[in-house]
């Protein structure tokens, strides 16, 4: 059953990620906003649910498989983050690549610190 929940969640997360790409695809910024937004939203969902699970023990394991592994796994995208950063470097946009790395890592990691005990 857990495989099915991860499969369904992964599909939902991937569709959400695709919608984010469509939503932010027309931006003129050099920073990959769609990927950054997807990763931040995924970390926020992940952090919130981990906090609720650890503090309140309110989330059944089935939902953790569906949402944390499935949806968050499909929504967040390290491979796209890496590729877009590589492309920025390849195009000589080193400052934007560094900004992308720093902002992504700091924001996403900070979200988990918000929910830490």
Protein backbone atom coordinates (compact mmCIF):
# COMPACT_ATOMS: atom_id res chain seq x y z
CA UNK A 1 0.00 0.00 0.00
CA UNK A 2 2.86 2.40 0.81
CA UNK A 3 4.19 2.04 -2.74
CA UNK A 4 0.86 3.16 -4.14
CA UNK A 5 0.73 6.17 -1.80
CA UNK A 6 4.27 7.21 -2.77
CA UNK A 7 3.37 6.72 -6.45
CA UNK A 8 0.22 8.87 -6.19
CA UNK A 9 1.98 11.53 -4.11
CA UNK A 10 4.93 11.62 -6.50
CA UNK A 11 2.58 12.18 -9.42
CA UNK A 12 0.77 14.98 -7.60
CA UNK A 13 4.06 16.60 -6.61
CA UNK A 14 5.37 16.40 -10.16
CA UNK A 15 2.23 18.02 -11.54
CA UNK A 16 2.53 20.80 -8.95
CA UNK A 17 6.17 21.26 -9.98
CA UNK A 18 5.13 21.49 -13.64
CA UNK A 19 2.48 24.08 -12.75
CA UNK A 20 5.11 26.12 -10.90
CA UNK A 21 7.28 26.04 -14.02
CA UNK A 22 4.36 27.30 -16.12
CA UNK A 23 3.47 29.97 -13.58
CA UNK A 24 6.99 31.37 -13.30
CA UNK A 25 8.19 30.47 -16.79
CA UNK A 26 7.62 33.96 -18.13
CA UNK A 27 9.79 35.74 -15.57
CA UNK A 28 12.72 37.76 -16.86
CA UNK A 29 14.87 37.24 -13.76
CA UNK A 30 18.08 35.29 -14.13
CA UNK A 31 17.40 33.48 -10.87
CA UNK A 32 15.40 30.25 -11.46
CA UNK A 33 12.31 31.32 -9.50
CA UNK A 34 10.16 28.27 -10.35
CA UNK A 35 12.71 25.82 -8.98
CA UNK A 36 13.45 27.97 -5.94
CA UNK A 37 9.72 28.32 -5.19
CA UNK A 38 9.08 24.60 -5.63
CA UNK A 39 11.91 23.69 -3.29
CA UNK A 40 10.85 26.24 -0.66
CA UNK A 41 7.21 25.09 -0.74
CA UNK A 42 8.30 21.45 -0.52
CA UNK A 43 10.58 22.17 2.45
CA UNK A 44 7.80 24.11 4.17
CA UNK A 45 5.33 21.22 3.74
CA UNK A 46 7.97 18.71 4.82
CA UNK A 47 9.03 20.75 7.86
CA UNK A 48 5.45 21.41 8.93
CA UNK A 49 4.49 17.76 8.74
CA UNK A 50 7.62 16.55 10.51
CA UNK A 51 6.94 19.05 13.31
CA UNK A 52 3.30 17.96 13.61
CA UNK A 53 4.31 14.31 13.53
CA UNK A 54 7.07 14.64 16.13
CA UNK A 55 5.31 17.06 18.46
CA UNK A 56 1.73 15.92 18.21
CA UNK A 57 2.02 12.47 16.62
CA UNK A 58 -1.09 13.34 14.61
CA UNK A 59 -0.06 12.11 11.19
CA UNK A 60 -0.52 8.43 10.35
CA UNK A 61 2.38 6.74 8.55
CA UNK A 62 0.29 6.40 5.38
CA UNK A 63 0.01 10.17 5.08
CA UNK A 64 3.73 10.57 5.68
CA UNK A 65 4.38 8.27 2.72
CA UNK A 66 1.87 10.11 0.54
CA UNK A 67 2.88 13.66 1.41
CA UNK A 68 6.49 13.68 2.59
CA UNK A 69 7.99 11.05 0.33
CA UNK A 70 5.53 11.34 -2.56
CA UNK A 71 4.36 14.93 -2.93
CA UNK A 72 7.47 16.60 -1.48
CA UNK A 73 9.72 14.26 -3.46
CA UNK A 74 7.90 15.07 -6.70
CA UNK A 75 7.67 18.79 -5.98
CA UNK A 76 11.25 19.45 -4.88
CA UNK A 77 13.91 19.17 -7.50
CA UNK A 78 17.60 19.02 -6.74
CA UNK A 79 18.48 17.88 -10.24
CA UNK A 80 16.81 20.91 -11.83
CA UNK A 81 18.41 23.21 -9.25
CA UNK A 82 21.82 21.74 -10.14
CA UNK A 83 21.22 21.97 -13.89
CA UNK A 84 20.00 25.57 -13.74
CA UNK A 85 22.97 26.54 -11.60
CA UNK A 86 25.29 24.82 -14.10
CA UNK A 87 23.62 26.71 -16.96
CA UNK A 88 24.10 30.02 -15.16
CA UNK A 89 27.80 29.21 -14.74
CA UNK A 90 28.10 28.10 -18.36
CA UNK A 91 26.56 31.39 -19.52
CA UNK A 92 29.09 33.34 -17.46
CA UNK A 93 26.50 34.41 -14.90
CA UNK A 94 28.64 33.39 -11.95
CA UNK A 95 27.13 35.89 -9.52
CA UNK A 96 23.60 34.64 -10.29
CA UNK A 97 24.77 31.03 -9.88
CA UNK A 98 26.25 31.82 -6.47
CA UNK A 99 23.10 33.73 -5.47
CA UNK A 100 21.00 30.74 -6.55
CA UNK A 101 23.08 28.33 -4.46
CA UNK A 102 23.21 30.54 -1.38
CA UNK A 103 19.56 31.62 -1.43
CA UNK A 104 18.29 28.09 -2.09
CA UNK A 105 20.40 26.46 0.60
CA UNK A 106 19.84 29.14 3.24
CA UNK A 107 16.08 29.45 2.72
CA UNK A 108 15.37 25.73 2.50
CA UNK A 109 17.56 24.85 5.48
CA UNK A 110 16.14 27.76 7.51
CA UNK A 111 12.66 26.36 7.08
CA UNK A 112 13.67 23.23 8.97
CA UNK A 113 15.26 25.33 11.71
CA UNK A 114 11.91 27.11 12.11
CA UNK A 115 10.30 23.80 13.00
CA UNK A 116 13.17 22.39 15.10
CA UNK A 117 12.58 21.72 18.75
